[in-house]
Protein backbone atom coordinates (compact mmCIF):
# COMPACT_ATOMS: atom_id res chain seq x y z
CA MET A 1 -36.78 13.46 11.01
CA THR A 2 -38.99 15.86 9.81
CA GLU A 3 -40.91 15.39 7.10
CA LYS A 4 -38.94 18.60 4.81
CA GLU A 5 -35.92 16.79 5.55
CA LEU A 6 -36.79 13.50 3.94
CA PRO A 7 -36.80 14.07 0.57
CA LYS A 8 -32.94 15.78 0.99
CA VAL A 9 -32.11 12.24 2.92
CA SER A 10 -33.11 10.01 0.31
CA SER A 11 -32.18 12.38 -2.86
CA ASN A 12 -28.76 12.23 -0.88
CA LEU A 13 -28.69 8.79 -0.26
CA GLY A 14 -30.28 7.45 -4.08
CA GLN A 15 -27.07 9.56 -5.26
CA ILE A 16 -24.45 8.08 -3.15
CA PHE A 17 -25.98 4.51 -4.61
CA PHE A 18 -26.08 5.52 -8.12
CA LEU A 19 -22.72 6.95 -7.97
CA VAL A 20 -21.07 3.89 -5.98
CA GLY A 21 -22.71 1.65 -8.58
CA LEU A 22 -21.52 3.52 -11.09
CA ILE A 23 -18.24 3.63 -9.99
CA LEU A 24 -18.30 -0.32 -9.23
CA ILE A 25 -18.99 -0.85 -12.64
CA TYR A 26 -16.73 1.47 -14.40
CA GLY A 27 -14.02 0.36 -12.73
CA VAL A 28 -14.38 -3.21 -13.33
CA GLY A 29 -14.84 -2.48 -16.70
CA THR A 30 -12.13 -0.19 -17.04
CA PHE A 31 -10.11 -2.82 -15.46
CA TRP A 32 -10.98 -6.01 -17.15
CA LEU A 33 -10.27 -3.90 -20.69
CA SER A 34 -6.90 -2.19 -19.72
CA TRP A 35 -6.15 -6.23 -18.24
CA GLU A 36 -6.99 -7.61 -21.73
CA MET A 37 -4.67 -4.91 -23.72
CA VAL A 38 -1.60 -4.93 -21.69
CA THR A 39 -1.69 -8.87 -21.76
CA ASP A 40 -3.18 -8.92 -25.37
CA GLY A 41 -5.26 -11.81 -24.48
CA LYS A 42 -6.38 -12.68 -27.83
CA PHE A 43 -3.31 -12.76 -29.15
CA VAL A 44 -1.91 -15.35 -26.61
CA GLU A 45 -4.93 -17.26 -27.66
CA SER A 46 -4.64 -17.80 -31.26
CA GLY A 47 -0.86 -16.91 -31.92
CA ASP A 48 -2.21 -15.06 -34.98
CA PRO A 49 -0.30 -11.89 -35.94
CA GLU A 50 -3.33 -10.19 -36.78
CA ASP A 51 -4.81 -10.03 -33.01
CA LYS A 52 -1.77 -8.60 -32.26
CA ILE A 53 -2.81 -5.03 -30.50
CA PRO A 54 -0.35 -2.40 -31.06
CA LEU A 55 2.40 -1.48 -28.49
CA PHE A 56 0.86 2.65 -28.44
CA ILE A 57 -2.41 1.45 -27.80
CA ARG A 58 -2.05 -1.64 -25.03
CA PHE A 59 -0.32 1.04 -22.99
CA GLY A 60 -2.00 4.18 -24.03
CA PHE A 61 -5.48 3.49 -23.39
CA PRO A 62 -4.51 2.25 -19.83
CA THR A 63 -2.39 5.06 -19.21
CA MET A 64 -5.32 7.20 -20.65
CA ILE A 65 -7.91 6.13 -18.51
CA ILE A 66 -5.65 6.56 -14.95
CA GLY A 67 -4.84 9.58 -15.79
CA MET A 68 -9.06 10.25 -16.38
CA GLY A 69 -9.37 8.87 -12.96
CA ILE A 70 -6.93 11.27 -11.27
CA LEU A 71 -8.07 14.28 -12.63
CA PHE A 72 -12.08 12.94 -11.48
CA PHE A 73 -11.27 12.31 -8.24
CA THR A 74 -9.05 15.26 -7.72
CA VAL A 75 -11.92 17.67 -8.57
CA LEU A 76 -14.23 15.33 -6.67
CA PHE A 77 -12.09 16.51 -3.44
CA GLN A 78 -11.61 20.09 -4.06
CA ARG A 79 -15.60 20.48 -4.89
CA LEU A 80 -16.19 18.21 -1.35
CA LYS A 81 -13.74 20.82 0.30
CA ALA A 82 -15.40 23.94 -1.38
CA ALA A 83 -18.67 22.98 -0.27
CA LYS A 84 -17.92 22.56 3.28
CA THR A 85 -16.83 26.29 3.30
CA ASP A 86 -19.52 27.38 0.91
CA LYS A 87 -20.90 31.13 2.45
CA TYR A 88 -23.87 31.06 -0.47
CA ILE A 89 -25.17 28.09 0.83
CA ASP A 90 -28.28 28.92 2.75
CA VAL A 91 -28.97 32.01 0.61
CA GLN A 92 -32.74 31.75 -0.97
CA ILE A 93 -34.46 33.29 -3.57
């Protein structure tokens, strides 16, 4: 590995670690929040009708998160596919 390649490799490695960590944190957090909403955890514990989450929020929020995830990964895979055939990648100013 030459000195010119090292910054690029370390930059790519840093981005990969950052994105994997971000996906794990947001993924687990979103799953936990969605699970609590769907199972209506606070209402089950207390039995108080004031703690009940409305049905449209209980199922609307997880549906929205799933839709955002599908859109994100669709765009990500399209960009990765397009990057392989980018004819301007080696153009220098």
